[in-house]
Amino acid sequence: MENFKMIAKTFFGFEEILAKELYQLGAQNVEQGVRMVSFYGDKGFMYKANLALRSALKILKPIKQFKAYNEQSLYKGIQSIDWSTIFNVNQSFVVDVTVNSDHFNHSQFVALKSKDAIVDQFREAFGKRPNIDKDYPDVRINVHIQKDDCSVSLDTSGASLHHRGYRTATNIAPINEVLAAGILLLSGWDGSTHFLDPMCGSGTFLVEAAMIACNIPANINRKEFAFERWNDWDNDLFDQIEASLLKKIKEFHYDIIGYDKAPSAVIKAKDNAKNANLDEYIKVSQQNFFDTQKETEGPLHMVFNPPYGERLDIDLERFYREIGDTLKQSYPNTNAWFITGNLEALKFVGLKPSRKIKLFNGKLEARLVKYEMYEGSKRTKFQNRENNE
């Protein structure tokens, strides 16, 4: 099978971890861009990337690049592709557009012109045209215009890869699954300690953490990928790739714990863990983090998404101060990471973060911060080290 170029889309700040994931899966010519990583692989690898990548939102397969200065050059460029080799006149399609160009103001206009060029080509060749289906198209075409460069790709994934298939129940302001998985990878989570999400909501961090710890492919519970509707879909090859990934699943010997003070969130988190077939690894209980103490022996890895005050009405100053106090007083030997879109609120934590990483949660600029809570005080730790030297 021939290798071809693909592009994996991701969130800002995840390019490096996505590139690392691709290397580990066996991709070739991996190159980081902004919110994307390009790579080479064959059809089987395309299936594998969609099934296994945790920090990718979509996998695109580029088919043509050309210059587009106006509607004529756009129409001509789209028409220069032989669409009958990609899908037939009885199939449906849709065009998704991203535009960042002085020549084109509206993505809707670009989508319409692209659709016209495709439909006209089919009508001239076959006397009839394929249908548009926005919800369940056989082929999803991606047109991206950056200044005057137009790239046309096939969307191999379909719906964004954050639709993992396990999350049927969500709470207020749930975190996107790809964002959650990327944060866990950035935090260095590898399943070698106990894990706690003290404000777990509908349990996304818990499920993604268990999947990483057990090396379960991220999208194993997903119902469908776009490439399954393509003319060259190879069911046997897909089954083979899926089976080879499932063979690499491993056991996990620590606890993954979730707390939430809302009974509705606890029920949803338990349901989602069960949907992902991971309820044997995940323990969820109704507790207010600020009234808890570290339950587990040894080091603890903590990751959470506290409220930002955007959708939940809370006293931010007091809330973030209590986060700092609880970590300081009750969670020794813990690496605590959390993401917040409220950069002001971080000042109230009262602890110095050892790391700060800029991310976006949707359009909201956010920070992923790390607090290292030592056994005893930090000063004692360093004094002991000096005395031993």
Protein backbone atom coordinates (compact mmCIF):
# COMPACT_ATOMS: atom_id res chain seq x y z
CA MET A 1 0.00 0.00 0.00
CA GLU A 2 1.18 3.47 -0.91
CA ASN A 3 2.01 6.13 1.66
CA PHE A 4 0.32 9.52 1.35
CA LYS A 5 0.31 12.79 3.26
CA MET A 6 -2.21 13.39 6.06
CA ILE A 7 -2.87 16.26 8.43
CA ALA A 8 -3.98 15.80 12.04
CA LYS A 9 -5.77 18.86 13.45
CA THR A 10 -5.47 19.66 17.15
CA PHE A 11 -5.77 22.40 19.78
CA PHE A 12 -3.19 25.15 20.20
CA GLY A 13 -0.47 23.90 22.57
CA PHE A 14 -0.95 20.20 21.74
CA GLU A 15 1.22 20.08 18.59
CA GLU A 16 4.20 18.51 20.36
CA ILE A 17 2.26 15.78 22.18
CA LEU A 18 0.35 14.95 18.97
CA ALA A 19 3.64 14.65 17.05
CA LYS A 20 4.93 12.33 19.80
CA GLU A 21 1.77 10.20 19.59
CA LEU A 22 2.20 9.94 15.81
CA TYR A 23 5.87 8.88 16.14
CA GLN A 24 4.91 6.22 18.66
CA LEU A 25 2.18 4.88 16.34
CA GLY A 26 4.69 4.61 13.50
CA ALA A 27 3.94 7.66 11.32
CA GLN A 28 6.59 8.90 8.89
CA ASN A 29 7.83 12.43 8.05
CA VAL A 30 6.10 13.94 11.08
CA GLU A 31 6.11 17.77 11.00
CA GLN A 32 4.54 20.16 13.51
CA GLY A 33 2.59 23.23 12.41
CA VAL A 34 0.15 25.50 14.25
CA ARG A 35 -2.85 23.55 15.58
CA MET A 36 -1.84 20.72 13.24
CA VAL A 37 0.77 18.06 12.55
CA SER A 38 1.42 16.61 9.08
CA PHE A 39 2.62 13.05 8.55
CA TYR A 40 2.77 10.19 6.04
CA GLY A 41 1.26 6.74 6.22
CA ASP A 42 -0.81 4.24 4.20
CA LYS A 43 -4.53 3.45 4.30
CA GLY A 44 -4.10 1.12 7.28
CA PHE A 45 -2.27 3.87 9.15
CA MET A 46 -5.14 6.28 8.36
CA TYR A 47 -7.49 3.85 10.10
CA LYS A 48 -5.02 3.42 12.98
CA ALA A 49 -4.55 7.19 13.48
CA ASN A 50 -8.32 7.73 13.73
CA LEU A 51 -8.72 4.86 16.17
CA ALA A 52 -5.75 5.53 18.42
CA LEU A 53 -4.79 9.22 18.53
CA ARG A 54 -5.86 10.92 21.76
CA SER A 55 -4.93 14.54 21.02
CA ALA A 56 -6.20 14.81 17.40
CA LEU A 57 -9.51 16.46 16.49
CA LYS A 58 -9.56 15.33 12.84
CA ILE A 59 -7.43 13.52 10.28
CA LEU A 60 -7.49 15.09 6.81
CA LYS A 61 -6.20 13.60 3.56
CA PRO A 62 -5.04 16.44 1.24
CA ILE A 63 -5.90 15.94 -2.44
CA LYS A 64 -5.04 19.27 -4.12
CA GLN A 65 -3.41 22.64 -3.52
CA PHE A 66 -3.79 25.70 -5.74
CA LYS A 67 -3.89 29.52 -5.63
CA ALA A 68 -7.29 31.14 -5.16
CA TYR A 69 -7.52 34.93 -5.63
CA ASN A 70 -11.19 35.21 -6.59
CA GLU A 71 -14.27 33.11 -7.25
CA GLN A 72 -13.12 32.15 -10.79
CA SER A 73 -9.76 30.76 -9.62
CA LEU A 74 -11.50 28.96 -6.74
CA TYR A 75 -14.09 27.39 -9.09
CA LYS A 76 -11.40 26.41 -11.62
CA GLY A 77 -9.16 24.89 -8.92
CA ILE A 78 -11.99 22.77 -7.48
CA GLN A 79 -12.97 21.67 -11.02
CA SER A 80 -9.39 20.58 -11.77
CA ILE A 81 -9.92 17.62 -9.38
CA ASP A 82 -11.48 14.52 -10.95
CA TRP A 83 -14.25 14.02 -8.40
CA SER A 84 -15.58 10.85 -10.06
CA THR A 85 -12.46 9.00 -8.80
CA ILE A 86 -13.40 9.96 -5.22
CA PHE A 87 -17.16 9.33 -5.13
CA ASN A 88 -19.96 8.58 -7.56
CA VAL A 89 -23.00 10.52 -8.68
CA ASN A 90 -25.36 8.51 -6.46
CA GLN A 91 -23.46 9.38 -3.30
CA SER A 92 -23.88 12.47 -1.12
CA PHE A 93 -21.28 15.02 -0.04
CA VAL A 94 -20.80 18.17 2.01
CA VAL A 95 -18.14 20.92 1.92
CA ASP A 96 -16.67 22.30 5.19
CA VAL A 97 -14.72 25.54 4.86
CA THR A 98 -12.10 27.45 6.88
CA VAL A 99 -11.11 30.85 5.50
CA ASN A 100 -8.40 33.30 6.53
CA SER A 101 -8.01 35.47 3.44
CA ASP A 102 -8.50 39.03 2.16
CA HIS A 103 -9.97 37.62 -1.07
CA PHE A 104 -12.87 35.77 0.58
CA ASN A 105 -14.94 37.12 3.47
CA HIS A 106 -17.50 34.38 3.95
CA SER A 107 -16.92 30.66 4.39
CA GLN A 108 -20.53 30.08 3.26
CA PHE A 109 -19.76 31.69 -0.12
CA VAL A 110 -16.63 29.51 -0.56
CA ALA A 111 -18.67 26.40 0.34
CA LEU A 112 -21.34 27.32 -2.23
CA LYS A 113 -18.82 27.99 -5.04
CA SER A 114 -16.95 24.74 -4.26
CA LYS A 115 -20.22 22.77 -4.27
CA ASP A 116 -21.19 24.35 -7.64
CA ALA A 117 -17.85 23.36 -9.19
CA ILE A 118 -18.25 19.73 -8.04
CA VAL A 119 -21.92 19.46 -9.02
CA ASP A 120 -21.32 21.04 -12.46
CA GLN A 121 -18.52 18.53 -13.18
CA PHE A 122 -20.82 15.57 -12.40
CA ARG A 123 -23.72 17.05 -14.36
CA GLU A 124 -21.55 17.54 -17.48
CA ALA A 125 -20.15 14.01 -17.26
CA PHE A 126 -23.26 12.03 -16.21
CA GLY A 127 -26.26 14.27 -16.86
CA LYS A 128 -27.14 14.23 -13.15
CA ARG A 129 -25.71 15.46 -9.88
CA PRO A 130 -24.88 14.06 -6.41
CA ASN A 131 -26.87 15.28 -3.40
CA ILE A 132 -25.72 17.42 -0.51
CA ASP A 133 -26.19 15.86 2.93
CA LYS A 134 -25.03 18.03 5.83
CA ASP A 135 -25.66 15.43 8.53
CA TYR A 136 -24.60 12.05 7.12
CA PRO A 137 -22.68 12.63 3.87
CA ASP A 138 -20.83 9.79 2.14
CA VAL A 139 -17.91 12.17 1.56
CA ARG A 140 -16.91 15.18 3.66
CA ILE A 141 -14.70 17.63 1.76
CA ASN A 142 -12.57 20.18 3.59
CA VAL A 143 -11.58 23.45 1.85
CA HIS A 144 -9.02 25.58 3.68
CA ILE A 145 -7.99 29.00 2.32
CA GLN A 146 -5.01 30.72 3.97
CA LYS A 147 -4.30 34.08 2.25
CA ASP A 148 -4.26 32.92 -1.40
CA ASP A 149 -3.36 29.25 -0.81
CA CYS A 150 -6.29 26.88 -1.12
CA SER A 151 -5.97 23.27 0.09
CA VAL A 152 -8.67 20.71 -0.60
CA SER A 153 -8.75 17.59 1.59
CA LEU A 154 -10.97 14.66 2.36
CA ASP A 155 -12.07 14.49 5.97
CA THR A 156 -11.25 10.90 7.01
CA SER A 157 -12.83 11.25 10.49
CA GLY A 158 -16.28 12.77 10.00
CA ALA A 159 -17.56 14.21 13.26
CA SER A 160 -14.72 15.60 15.42
CA LEU A 161 -12.69 12.89 17.14
CA HIS A 162 -13.66 14.25 20.56
CA HIS A 163 -16.93 12.35 19.98
CA ARG A 164 -15.43 9.24 21.56
CA GLY A 165 -18.72 7.38 21.91
CA TYR A 166 -18.70 6.78 25.68
CA ARG A 167 -20.07 10.08 26.96
CA THR A 168 -23.86 10.01 26.87
CA ALA A 169 -24.36 12.01 30.06
CA THR A 170 -22.82 15.45 30.57
CA ASN A 171 -22.92 18.03 33.32
CA ILE A 172 -22.66 21.83 33.18
CA ALA A 173 -19.63 22.96 31.15
CA PRO A 174 -18.18 19.51 30.32
CA ILE A 175 -14.59 19.48 29.06
CA ASN A 176 -13.94 18.37 25.48
CA GLU A 177 -12.52 14.80 25.45
CA VAL A 178 -9.55 15.69 23.21
CA LEU A 179 -8.75 18.67 25.43
CA ALA A 180 -8.93 16.40 28.50
CA ALA A 181 -6.68 13.73 26.93
CA GLY A 182 -4.16 16.35 25.76
CA ILE A 183 -4.02 17.91 29.24
CA LEU A 184 -3.40 14.47 30.77
CA LEU A 185 -0.56 13.81 28.30
CA LEU A 186 0.94 17.27 28.93
CA SER A 187 0.79 16.58 32.67
CA GLY A 188 2.91 13.46 32.14
CA TRP A 189 0.16 11.06 33.23
CA ASP A 190 1.26 7.53 32.32
CA GLY A 191 -0.63 5.32 34.77
CA SER A 192 2.29 4.79 37.19
CA THR A 193 0.56 6.28 40.30
CA HIS A 194 -2.89 6.79 41.79
CA PHE A 195 -5.03 9.44 40.04
CA LEU A 196 -7.60 11.90 41.40
CA ASP A 197 -9.97 14.37 39.76
CA PRO A 198 -11.46 16.20 42.77
CA MET A 199 -14.11 18.08 40.72
CA CYS A 200 -14.88 15.38 38.19
CA GLY A 201 -18.21 16.55 36.69
CA SER A 202 -19.34 13.95 34.15
CA GLY A 203 -16.02 12.07 34.47
CA THR A 204 -14.18 12.91 31.24
CA PHE A 205 -10.72 13.16 32.89
CA LEU A 206 -11.36 9.90 34.74
CA VAL A 207 -12.25 7.94 31.59
CA GLU A 208 -9.43 9.45 29.50
CA ALA A 209 -6.95 8.78 32.35
CA ALA A 210 -8.04 5.13 32.53
CA MET A 211 -7.75 4.76 28.75
CA ILE A 212 -4.20 6.15 28.82
CA ALA A 213 -3.24 3.96 31.81
CA CYS A 214 -4.56 0.80 30.11
CA ASN A 215 -3.35 1.81 26.60
CA ILE A 216 -6.90 1.55 25.22
CA PRO A 217 -7.34 3.19 21.78
CA ALA A 218 -9.02 6.58 22.29
CA ASN A 219 -11.82 6.03 19.76
CA ILE A 220 -12.56 2.35 20.26
CA ASN A 221 -16.12 3.17 21.44
CA ARG A 222 -16.89 5.42 18.49
CA LYS A 223 -19.74 4.37 16.22
CA GLU A 224 -18.40 5.55 12.85
CA PHE A 225 -15.59 7.22 10.90
CA ALA A 226 -16.05 9.05 7.58
CA PHE A 227 -13.73 6.66 5.67
CA GLU A 228 -16.20 3.80 6.25
CA ARG A 229 -18.43 5.34 3.54
CA TRP A 230 -15.63 5.69 1.00
CA ASN A 231 -15.48 3.56 -2.14
CA ASP A 232 -12.11 2.07 -1.14
CA TRP A 233 -13.26 1.13 2.42
CA ASP A 234 -11.50 -2.07 3.47
CA ASN A 235 -13.42 -3.68 6.34
CA ASP A 236 -10.94 -6.57 6.75
CA LEU A 237 -7.98 -4.21 6.98
CA PHE A 238 -9.82 -2.09 9.58
CA ASP A 239 -10.62 -5.18 11.68
CA GLN A 240 -6.97 -6.24 11.49
CA ILE A 241 -5.74 -2.76 12.63
CA GLU A 242 -8.31 -2.67 15.44
CA ALA A 243 -7.32 -6.16 16.64
CA SER A 244 -3.61 -5.25 16.66
CA LEU A 245 -4.34 -2.17 18.81
CA LEU A 246 -6.53 -4.15 21.21
CA LYS A 247 -3.68 -6.65 21.76
CA LYS A 248 -1.60 -3.82 23.26
CA ILE A 249 -4.07 -3.10 26.08
CA LYS A 250 -2.49 -3.57 29.51
CA GLU A 251 -3.61 -3.95 33.12
CA PHE A 252 -3.54 -1.02 35.55
CA HIS A 253 -2.80 -1.50 39.26
CA TYR A 254 -3.65 1.83 40.90
CA ASP A 255 -6.86 3.72 41.73
CA ILE A 256 -8.56 6.31 39.54
CA ILE A 257 -10.76 8.36 41.85
CA GLY A 258 -13.30 11.08 41.17
CA TYR A 259 -15.08 13.42 43.59
CA ASP A 260 -17.93 15.80 42.92
CA LYS A 261 -20.22 17.52 45.39
CA ALA A 262 -23.22 17.33 43.01
CA PRO A 263 -25.10 13.99 43.20
CA SER A 264 -26.18 14.40 39.54
CA ALA A 265 -22.52 14.67 38.43
CA VAL A 266 -21.58 11.53 40.37
CA ILE A 267 -24.35 9.55 38.61
CA LYS A 268 -23.26 10.86 35.19
CA ALA A 269 -19.58 10.11 35.82
CA LYS A 270 -20.44 6.54 36.87
CA ASP A 271 -22.63 6.10 33.76
CA ASN A 272 -19.87 7.32 31.44
CA ALA A 273 -17.25 5.08 33.10
CA LYS A 274 -19.62 2.15 32.57
CA ASN A 275 -20.25 3.11 28.92
CA ALA A 276 -16.49 3.09 28.35
CA ASN A 277 -16.27 -0.38 30.05
CA LEU A 278 -13.89 1.13 32.60
CA ASP A 279 -16.03 1.15 35.74
CA GLU A 280 -13.80 -1.51 37.36
CA TYR A 281 -10.91 1.00 37.38
CA ILE A 282 -12.84 4.17 38.29
CA LYS A 283 -14.27 5.00 41.73
CA VAL A 284 -16.56 8.03 41.99
CA SER A 285 -18.03 9.42 45.20
CA GLN A 286 -20.00 12.47 46.28
CA GLN A 287 -17.59 14.68 48.21
CA ASN A 288 -16.63 18.32 48.48
CA PHE A 289 -12.90 18.48 47.65
CA PHE A 290 -12.38 21.14 50.34
CA ASP A 291 -13.45 18.66 53.04
CA THR A 292 -11.23 15.80 51.83
CA GLN A 293 -7.76 14.49 52.57
CA LYS A 294 -5.40 12.38 50.52
CA GLU A 295 -6.61 8.78 50.78
CA THR A 296 -3.90 6.91 48.91
CA GLU A 297 -0.35 5.91 49.83
CA GLY A 298 2.57 7.09 47.73
CA PRO A 299 2.59 9.78 45.05
CA LEU A 300 -0.71 11.09 43.68
CA HIS A 301 -1.38 12.58 40.24
CA MET A 302 -4.24 15.09 40.32
CA VAL A 303 -5.85 16.77 37.28
CA PHE A 304 -9.03 18.83 37.31
CA ASN A 305 -11.07 21.56 35.64
CA PRO A 306 -12.40 23.92 38.34
CA PRO A 307 -15.24 26.33 37.51
CA TYR A 308 -14.10 29.64 35.96
CA GLY A 309 -17.14 31.65 37.01
CA GLU A 310 -18.22 31.77 33.35
CA ARG A 311 -21.27 29.52 33.68
CA LEU A 312 -21.34 28.82 37.41
CA ASP A 313 -22.02 31.51 39.96
CA ILE A 314 -19.32 31.26 42.66
CA ASP A 315 -17.17 33.52 44.82
CA LEU A 316 -14.00 33.07 42.76
CA GLU A 317 -11.56 34.61 45.24
CA ARG A 318 -12.71 32.37 48.07
CA PHE A 319 -13.02 29.30 45.84
CA TYR A 320 -9.48 29.49 44.42
CA ARG A 321 -8.04 30.30 47.86
CA GLU A 322 -9.69 27.11 49.16
CA ILE A 323 -8.09 25.12 46.32
CA GLY A 324 -4.66 26.33 47.49
CA ASP A 325 -5.41 25.72 51.17
CA THR A 326 -6.73 22.20 50.56
CA LEU A 327 -3.71 21.23 48.45
CA LYS A 328 -1.30 22.68 51.03
CA GLN A 329 -2.91 21.15 54.11
CA SER A 330 -4.35 17.85 52.89
CA TYR A 331 -2.48 16.62 49.80
CA PRO A 332 1.23 15.93 50.47
CA ASN A 333 3.27 14.10 47.80
CA THR A 334 0.90 15.23 45.05
CA ASN A 335 1.41 16.71 41.60
CA ALA A 336 -1.71 18.83 41.11
CA TRP A 337 -2.60 20.17 37.66
CA PHE A 338 -5.63 22.19 36.69
CA ILE A 339 -6.82 24.29 33.77
CA THR A 340 -8.50 27.65 34.23
CA GLY A 341 -9.83 30.28 31.86
CA ASN A 342 -9.84 32.82 34.69
CA LEU A 343 -6.26 34.08 34.80
CA GLU A 344 -7.05 36.57 37.59
CA ALA A 345 -8.35 33.81 39.87
CA LEU A 346 -4.94 32.07 39.83
CA LYS A 347 -3.55 34.81 42.07
CA PHE A 348 -5.83 33.68 44.89
CA VAL A 349 -4.47 30.09 45.01
CA GLY A 350 -1.59 31.35 47.15
CA LEU A 351 0.88 28.78 45.81
CA LYS A 352 3.59 29.21 43.19
CA PRO A 353 2.99 27.05 40.13
CA SER A 354 6.03 25.10 38.92
CA ARG A 355 4.65 25.14 35.37
CA LYS A 356 2.22 27.29 33.36
CA ILE A 357 1.14 26.25 29.85
CA LYS A 358 -0.99 28.45 27.59
CA LEU A 359 -3.98 26.61 26.10
CA PHE A 360 -7.45 27.46 24.79
CA ASN A 361 -10.70 26.01 26.09
CA GLY A 362 -12.94 26.74 23.12
CA LYS A 363 -12.21 30.39 22.29
CA LEU A 364 -11.27 31.15 25.88
CA GLU A 365 -7.55 31.61 26.59
CA ALA A 366 -6.62 29.38 29.51
CA ARG A 367 -3.64 28.24 31.58
CA LEU A 368 -2.75 24.72 32.57
CA VAL A 369 -0.88 25.06 35.88
CA LYS A 370 1.07 22.59 37.97
CA TYR A 371 1.54 22.74 41.76
CA GLU A 372 4.02 20.35 43.37
CA MET A 373 2.95 19.47 46.91
CA TYR A 374 5.83 17.88 48.80
CA GLU A 375 5.76 15.45 51.69
CA GLY A 376 6.22 17.79 54.69
CA SER A 377 7.26 21.26 53.58
CA LYS A 378 9.40 22.02 50.56
CA ARG A 379 12.04 23.57 52.81
CA THR A 380 12.28 20.42 54.94
CA LYS A 381 12.64 18.33 51.81
CA PHE A 382 15.62 20.38 50.60
CA GLN A 383 17.20 20.53 54.08
CA ASN A 384 17.02 16.74 54.31
CA ARG A 385 18.61 16.45 50.90
CA GLU A 386 21.46 18.79 51.94
CA ASN A 387 22.02 16.89 55.21
CA ASN A 388 22.31 13.63 53.29
CA GLU A 389 24.88 14.98 50.85
